[in-house]
């Protein structure tokens, strides 16, 4: 089972102009549908006066979760060309939003397809692409005396700690490679920690 995918390291953007219309493209690395919603809300606030906020995303190593949205443009003239560029770059866990300011001259469906495709390609060409493992977020609860056991497992598996609270009882949110999830969970639980998937 393949658990690696290509994604972008950091957000990028580009501008494409056609017959007075401006297409602002924004590419983001994303982890979940919640991430995607946050970026869309932010862009709609910032570019509230734009006519369209078209977007597409792909999630998961198998790229099985994806969506394309035309946001009022003619069917398949915006979201699909954006998604097509994400796919042709073989990327996942990526969101691209293209914000359009209408310039007064209609571009026609083929003109729109070309504009959304080019804006997306430009934004993605600015990105640094890396290969990552598909991961899961786990919440690990444990008592203070178990700290050494838990932290040595975090170190042994080189786990990414996303969040930590050390009080009387401790809570860690860790990112684990999906393939290792069962193994890591079993080891953490045998050290006395309570492990659950982050919702």
C-alpha atoms as a PDB file:
ATOM      1  CA  UNK A   1       0.000   0.000   0.000  1.00  0.00           C
ATOM      2  CA  UNK A   2       1.419   3.338  -1.040  1.00  0.00           C
ATOM      3  CA  UNK A   3       1.593   5.841   1.809  1.00  0.00           C
ATOM      4  CA  UNK A   4       3.803   8.516   0.278  1.00  0.00           C
ATOM      5  CA  UNK A   5       2.631  11.515  -1.706  1.00  0.00           C
ATOM      6  CA  UNK A   6       4.043  14.702  -3.209  1.00  0.00           C
ATOM      7  CA  UNK A   7       2.930  18.021  -1.773  1.00  0.00           C
ATOM      8  CA  UNK A   8       4.090  21.621  -1.513  1.00  0.00           C
ATOM      9  CA  UNK A   9       6.183  22.940   1.381  1.00  0.00           C
ATOM     10  CA  UNK A  10       4.634  26.389   1.796  1.00  0.00           C
ATOM     11  CA  UNK A  11       1.890  28.601   0.317  1.00  0.00           C
ATOM     12  CA  UNK A  12       2.590  30.273  -3.039  1.00  0.00           C
ATOM     13  CA  UNK A  13       0.679  32.699  -5.203  1.00  0.00           C
ATOM     14  CA  UNK A  14       0.618  34.128  -8.711  1.00  0.00           C
ATOM     15  CA  UNK A  15      -1.347  36.587 -10.840  1.00  0.00           C
ATOM     16  CA  UNK A  16      -2.540  35.974 -14.381  1.00  0.00           C
ATOM     17  CA  UNK A  17      -4.203  38.726 -16.451  1.00  0.00           C
ATOM     18  CA  UNK A  18      -6.401  38.211 -19.490  1.00  0.00           C
ATOM     19  CA  UNK A  19      -8.447  40.946 -21.278  1.00  0.00           C
ATOM     20  CA  UNK A  20      -8.704  43.041 -18.123  1.00  0.00           C
ATOM     21  CA  UNK A  21      -9.688  40.138 -15.859  1.00  0.00           C
ATOM     22  CA  UNK A  22      -7.306  39.342 -13.031  1.00  0.00           C
ATOM     23  CA  UNK A  23      -6.860  35.798 -11.746  1.00  0.00           C
ATOM     24  CA  UNK A  24      -5.104  35.585  -8.370  1.00  0.00           C
ATOM     25  CA  UNK A  25      -4.021  32.011  -7.648  1.00  0.00           C
ATOM     26  CA  UNK A  26      -3.162  30.762  -4.142  1.00  0.00           C
ATOM     27  CA  UNK A  27      -1.729  27.297  -3.472  1.00  0.00           C
ATOM     28  CA  UNK A  28      -1.639  25.890   0.066  1.00  0.00           C
ATOM     29  CA  UNK A  29      -0.381  22.698   1.686  1.00  0.00           C
ATOM     30  CA  UNK A  30      -3.381  21.309   3.613  1.00  0.00           C
ATOM     31  CA  UNK A  31      -3.927  18.477   6.070  1.00  0.00           C
ATOM     32  CA  UNK A  32      -7.722  18.245   6.316  1.00  0.00           C
ATOM     33  CA  UNK A  33     -11.045  19.639   5.138  1.00  0.00           C
ATOM     34  CA  UNK A  34     -10.976  21.972   8.191  1.00  0.00           C
ATOM     35  CA  UNK A  35      -7.721  23.513   6.859  1.00  0.00           C
ATOM     36  CA  UNK A  36      -9.393  23.999   3.486  1.00  0.00           C
ATOM     37  CA  UNK A  37     -12.433  25.757   4.997  1.00  0.00           C
ATOM     38  CA  UNK A  38     -10.175  28.126   6.970  1.00  0.00           C
ATOM     39  CA  UNK A  39      -8.236  29.177   3.849  1.00  0.00           C
ATOM     40  CA  UNK A  40     -11.462  29.719   1.879  1.00  0.00           C
ATOM     41  CA  UNK A  41     -13.025  31.838   4.651  1.00  0.00           C
ATOM     42  CA  UNK A  42      -9.833  33.905   4.897  1.00  0.00           C
ATOM     43  CA  UNK A  43      -9.631  34.532   1.131  1.00  0.00           C
ATOM     44  CA  UNK A  44     -13.347  35.376   0.858  1.00  0.00           C
ATOM     45  CA  UNK A  45     -12.871  37.946   3.631  1.00  0.00           C
ATOM     46  CA  UNK A  46      -9.726  39.427   2.124  1.00  0.00           C
ATOM     47  CA  UNK A  47     -11.020  39.502  -1.488  1.00  0.00           C
ATOM     48  CA  UNK A  48     -14.695  40.122  -0.626  1.00  0.00           C
ATOM     49  CA  UNK A  49     -15.160  42.305  -3.719  1.00  0.00           C
ATOM     50  CA  UNK A  50     -14.067  39.598  -6.184  1.00  0.00           C
ATOM     51  CA  UNK A  51     -16.684  37.902  -8.328  1.00  0.00           C
ATOM     52  CA  UNK A  52     -15.489  34.308  -8.045  1.00  0.00           C
ATOM     53  CA  UNK A  53     -13.422  32.212  -5.614  1.00  0.00           C
ATOM     54  CA  UNK A  54     -12.957  28.978  -7.578  1.00  0.00           C
ATOM     55  CA  UNK A  55     -10.964  26.146  -6.090  1.00  0.00           C
ATOM     56  CA  UNK A  56      -9.923  22.519  -6.129  1.00  0.00           C
ATOM     57  CA  UNK A  57      -8.137  20.248  -3.700  1.00  0.00           C
ATOM     58  CA  UNK A  58      -6.780  16.740  -3.398  1.00  0.00           C
ATOM     59  CA  UNK A  59      -6.237  14.921  -0.080  1.00  0.00           C
ATOM     60  CA  UNK A  60      -4.611  11.642   0.946  1.00  0.00           C
ATOM     61  CA  UNK A  61      -1.765   9.551  -0.454  1.00  0.00           C
ATOM     62  CA  UNK A  62      -4.265   7.780  -2.716  1.00  0.00           C
ATOM     63  CA  UNK A  63      -5.775  11.161  -3.756  1.00  0.00           C
ATOM     64  CA  UNK A  64      -9.241   9.669  -3.182  1.00  0.00           C
ATOM     65  CA  UNK A  65     -10.662  12.799  -1.527  1.00  0.00           C
ATOM     66  CA  UNK A  66     -10.895  15.689  -3.951  1.00  0.00           C
ATOM     67  CA  UNK A  67     -13.245  18.421  -5.027  1.00  0.00           C
ATOM     68  CA  UNK A  68     -13.524  21.025  -7.782  1.00  0.00           C
ATOM     69  CA  UNK A  69     -15.744  24.102  -7.377  1.00  0.00           C
ATOM     70  CA  UNK A  70     -16.615  26.595 -10.158  1.00  0.00           C
ATOM     71  CA  UNK A  71     -18.175  29.168  -7.751  1.00  0.00           C
ATOM     72  CA  UNK A  72     -20.573  30.602 -10.322  1.00  0.00           C
ATOM     73  CA  UNK A  73     -18.371  30.287 -13.412  1.00  0.00           C
ATOM     74  CA  UNK A  74     -19.783  28.101 -16.245  1.00  0.00           C
ATOM     75  CA  UNK A  75     -19.714  24.356 -15.370  1.00  0.00           C
ATOM     76  CA  UNK A  76     -16.269  22.761 -15.518  1.00  0.00           C
ATOM     77  CA  UNK A  77     -14.594  25.994 -16.669  1.00  0.00           C
ATOM     78  CA  UNK A  78     -12.741  26.733 -13.391  1.00  0.00           C
ATOM     79  CA  UNK A  79     -12.634  23.975 -10.744  1.00  0.00           C
ATOM     80  CA  UNK A  80     -11.791  21.171 -13.177  1.00  0.00           C
ATOM     81  CA  UNK A  81      -8.866  22.994 -14.839  1.00  0.00           C
ATOM     82  CA  UNK A  82      -7.496  23.802 -11.341  1.00  0.00           C
ATOM     83  CA  UNK A  83      -7.833  20.155 -10.255  1.00  0.00           C
ATOM     84  CA  UNK A  84      -6.286  19.049 -13.572  1.00  0.00           C
ATOM     85  CA  UNK A  85      -3.134  21.063 -12.789  1.00  0.00           C
ATOM     86  CA  UNK A  86      -2.894  19.617  -9.246  1.00  0.00           C
ATOM     87  CA  UNK A  87      -3.164  16.126 -10.765  1.00  0.00           C
ATOM     88  CA  UNK A  88      -0.742  16.713 -13.605  1.00  0.00           C
ATOM     89  CA  UNK A  89       1.840  17.873 -11.046  1.00  0.00           C
ATOM     90  CA  UNK A  90       1.038  14.624  -9.162  1.00  0.00           C
ATOM     91  CA  UNK A  91       0.328  16.482  -5.907  1.00  0.00           C
ATOM     92  CA  UNK A  92      -1.898  15.757  -2.935  1.00  0.00           C
ATOM     93  CA  UNK A  93      -2.787  17.513   0.339  1.00  0.00           C
ATOM     94  CA  UNK A  94      -2.922  20.670  -1.763  1.00  0.00           C
ATOM     95  CA  UNK A  95      -5.598  23.352  -2.143  1.00  0.00           C
ATOM     96  CA  UNK A  96      -5.542  25.894  -4.972  1.00  0.00           C
ATOM     97  CA  UNK A  97      -7.957  28.839  -4.927  1.00  0.00           C
ATOM     98  CA  UNK A  98      -8.178  31.211  -7.882  1.00  0.00           C
ATOM     99  CA  UNK A  99      -9.842  34.560  -7.138  1.00  0.00           C
ATOM    100  CA  UNK A 100     -11.190  36.293 -10.239  1.00  0.00           C
ATOM    101  CA  UNK A 101     -11.794  39.984 -10.742  1.00  0.00           C
ATOM    102  CA  UNK A 102     -13.902  40.483 -13.877  1.00  0.00           C
ATOM    103  CA  UNK A 103     -12.424  42.947 -16.326  1.00  0.00           C
ATOM    104  CA  UNK A 104     -15.508  43.707 -18.420  1.00  0.00           C
ATOM    105  CA  UNK A 105     -14.707  41.462 -21.387  1.00  0.00           C
ATOM    106  CA  UNK A 106     -16.137  37.937 -21.430  1.00  0.00           C
ATOM    107  CA  UNK A 107     -13.497  35.298 -22.059  1.00  0.00           C
ATOM    108  CA  UNK A 108     -15.785  32.461 -23.140  1.00  0.00           C
ATOM    109  CA  UNK A 109     -15.526  28.945 -21.727  1.00  0.00           C
ATOM    110  CA  UNK A 110     -12.259  28.056 -23.496  1.00  0.00           C
ATOM    111  CA  UNK A 111     -10.725  31.380 -22.395  1.00  0.00           C
ATOM    112  CA  UNK A 112     -11.772  30.709 -18.794  1.00  0.00           C
ATOM    113  CA  UNK A 113     -10.398  27.156 -18.839  1.00  0.00           C
ATOM    114  CA  UNK A 114      -7.078  28.465 -20.124  1.00  0.00           C
ATOM    115  CA  UNK A 115      -6.954  31.311 -17.561  1.00  0.00           C
ATOM    116  CA  UNK A 116      -7.714  29.086 -14.541  1.00  0.00           C
ATOM    117  CA  UNK A 117      -5.300  26.437 -15.789  1.00  0.00           C
ATOM    118  CA  UNK A 118      -2.475  28.934 -16.378  1.00  0.00           C
ATOM    119  CA  UNK A 119      -3.003  30.776 -13.050  1.00  0.00           C
ATOM    120  CA  UNK A 120      -2.870  27.437 -11.184  1.00  0.00           C
ATOM    121  CA  UNK A 121       0.173  26.193 -13.101  1.00  0.00           C
ATOM    122  CA  UNK A 122       1.988  29.489 -12.327  1.00  0.00           C
ATOM    123  CA  UNK A 123       1.246  29.251  -8.582  1.00  0.00           C
ATOM    124  CA  UNK A 124       2.331  25.595  -8.443  1.00  0.00           C
ATOM    125  CA  UNK A 125       5.507  26.312 -10.423  1.00  0.00           C
ATOM    126  CA  UNK A 126       6.555  28.685  -7.601  1.00  0.00           C
ATOM    127  CA  UNK A 127       6.205  25.902  -5.009  1.00  0.00           C
ATOM    128  CA  UNK A 128       8.901  23.684  -3.543  1.00  0.00           C
ATOM    129  CA  UNK A 129       7.649  20.113  -3.797  1.00  0.00           C
ATOM    130  CA  UNK A 130       8.508  17.419  -1.251  1.00  0.00           C
ATOM    131  CA  UNK A 131       7.567  13.813  -0.715  1.00  0.00           C
ATOM    132  CA  UNK A 132       5.781  13.056   2.555  1.00  0.00           C
ATOM    133  CA  UNK A 133       4.300  10.064   4.316  1.00  0.00           C
ATOM    134  CA  UNK A 134       0.603   9.894   5.002  1.00  0.00           C
ATOM    135  CA  UNK A 135       0.200  10.511   8.712  1.00  0.00           C
ATOM    136  CA  UNK A 136      -2.387  10.406  11.472  1.00  0.00           C
ATOM    137  CA  UNK A 137      -2.687  12.627  14.523  1.00  0.00           C
ATOM    138  CA  UNK A 138      -2.797  10.784  17.835  1.00  0.00           C
ATOM    139  CA  UNK A 139      -3.593  12.205  21.245  1.00  0.00           C
ATOM    140  CA  UNK A 140      -1.505  10.624  23.978  1.00  0.00           C
ATOM    141  CA  UNK A 141      -2.543  11.066  27.628  1.00  0.00           C
ATOM    142  CA  UNK A 142      -0.234   9.947  30.406  1.00  0.00           C
ATOM    143  CA  UNK A 143       0.755  10.676  33.972  1.00  0.00           C
ATOM    144  CA  UNK A 144       3.921  12.545  34.830  1.00  0.00           C
ATOM    145  CA  UNK A 145       5.878   9.392  35.930  1.00  0.00           C
ATOM    146  CA  UNK A 146       5.426   7.909  32.399  1.00  0.00           C
ATOM    147  CA  UNK A 147       7.034  10.933  30.769  1.00  0.00           C
ATOM    148  CA  UNK A 148      10.434   9.279  30.096  1.00  0.00           C
ATOM    149  CA  UNK A 149       8.892   6.204  28.439  1.00  0.00           C
ATOM    150  CA  UNK A 150       6.606   8.264  26.237  1.00  0.00           C
ATOM    151  CA  UNK A 151       9.272  10.796  25.229  1.00  0.00           C
ATOM    152  CA  UNK A 152      11.806   8.073  24.400  1.00  0.00           C
ATOM    153  CA  UNK A 153       9.237   6.518  21.993  1.00  0.00           C
ATOM    154  CA  UNK A 154       8.641   9.948  20.433  1.00  0.00           C
ATOM    155  CA  UNK A 155      12.398  10.179  19.913  1.00  0.00           C
ATOM    156  CA  UNK A 156      12.822   6.570  18.709  1.00  0.00           C
ATOM    157  CA  UNK A 157      10.168   7.011  15.993  1.00  0.00           C
ATOM    158  CA  UNK A 158      11.161  10.612  15.282  1.00  0.00           C
ATOM    159  CA  UNK A 159       7.540  11.709  15.788  1.00  0.00           C
ATOM    160  CA  UNK A 160       6.419  15.244  15.149  1.00  0.00           C
ATOM    161  CA  UNK A 161       4.878  16.746  18.309  1.00  0.00           C
ATOM    162  CA  UNK A 162       2.081  19.112  17.252  1.00  0.00           C
ATOM    163  CA  UNK A 163       0.908  20.128  20.704  1.00  0.00           C
ATOM    164  CA  UNK A 164       1.880  19.445  24.316  1.00  0.00           C
ATOM    165  CA  UNK A 165       0.520  20.137  27.784  1.00  0.00           C
ATOM    166  CA  UNK A 166       2.504  19.066  30.801  1.00  0.00           C
ATOM    167  CA  UNK A 167       0.517  19.414  34.001  1.00  0.00           C
ATOM    168  CA  UNK A 168      -0.453  16.809  36.596  1.00  0.00           C
ATOM    169  CA  UNK A 169      -1.504  14.625  33.729  1.00  0.00           C
ATOM    170  CA  UNK A 170       0.107  15.235  30.368  1.00  0.00           C
ATOM    171  CA  UNK A 171      -1.252  15.447  26.836  1.00  0.00           C
ATOM    172  CA  UNK A 172       0.678  15.227  23.580  1.00  0.00           C
ATOM    173  CA  UNK A 173      -0.642  15.460  20.029  1.00  0.00           C
ATOM    174  CA  UNK A 174       1.761  13.590  17.766  1.00  0.00           C
ATOM    175  CA  UNK A 175       1.922  12.999  14.034  1.00  0.00           C
ATOM    176  CA  UNK A 176       2.595   9.354  13.152  1.00  0.00           C
ATOM    177  CA  UNK A 177       3.195   7.705   9.796  1.00  0.00           C
ATOM    178  CA  UNK A 178      -0.017   5.773   9.045  1.00  0.00           C
ATOM    179  CA  UNK A 179       1.862   2.515   8.411  1.00  0.00           C
ATOM    180  CA  UNK A 180       3.380   2.719  11.911  1.00  0.00           C
ATOM    181  CA  UNK A 181       0.213   3.797  13.729  1.00  0.00           C
ATOM    182  CA  UNK A 182      -0.654   0.349  15.183  1.00  0.00           C
ATOM    183  CA  UNK A 183       2.927  -0.349  16.253  1.00  0.00           C
ATOM    184  CA  UNK A 184       3.439   3.072  17.881  1.00  0.00           C
ATOM    185  CA  UNK A 185       0.015   2.952  19.587  1.00  0.00           C
ATOM    186  CA  UNK A 186       0.765  -0.503  21.064  1.00  0.00           C
ATOM    187  CA  UNK A 187       4.141   0.646  22.428  1.00  0.00           C
ATOM    188  CA  UNK A 188       2.687   3.818  23.934  1.00  0.00           C
ATOM    189  CA  UNK A 189      -0.163   1.878  25.526  1.00  0.00           C
ATOM    190  CA  UNK A 190       2.253  -0.689  26.975  1.00  0.00           C
ATOM    191  CA  UNK A 191       4.026   2.198  28.711  1.00  0.00           C
ATOM    192  CA  UNK A 192       0.673   3.047  30.348  1.00  0.00           C
ATOM    193  CA  UNK A 193      -0.427   5.938  28.097  1.00  0.00           C
ATOM    194  CA  UNK A 194      -3.967   6.322  26.736  1.00  0.00           C
ATOM    195  CA  UNK A 195      -3.893   6.819  22.955  1.00  0.00           C
ATOM    196  CA  UNK A 196      -6.727   7.959  20.710  1.00  0.00           C
ATOM    197  CA  UNK A 197      -7.136   9.371  17.215  1.00  0.00           C
ATOM    198  CA  UNK A 198      -7.510  13.131  17.178  1.00  0.00           C
ATOM    199  CA  UNK A 199     -10.982  14.024  15.906  1.00  0.00           C
END
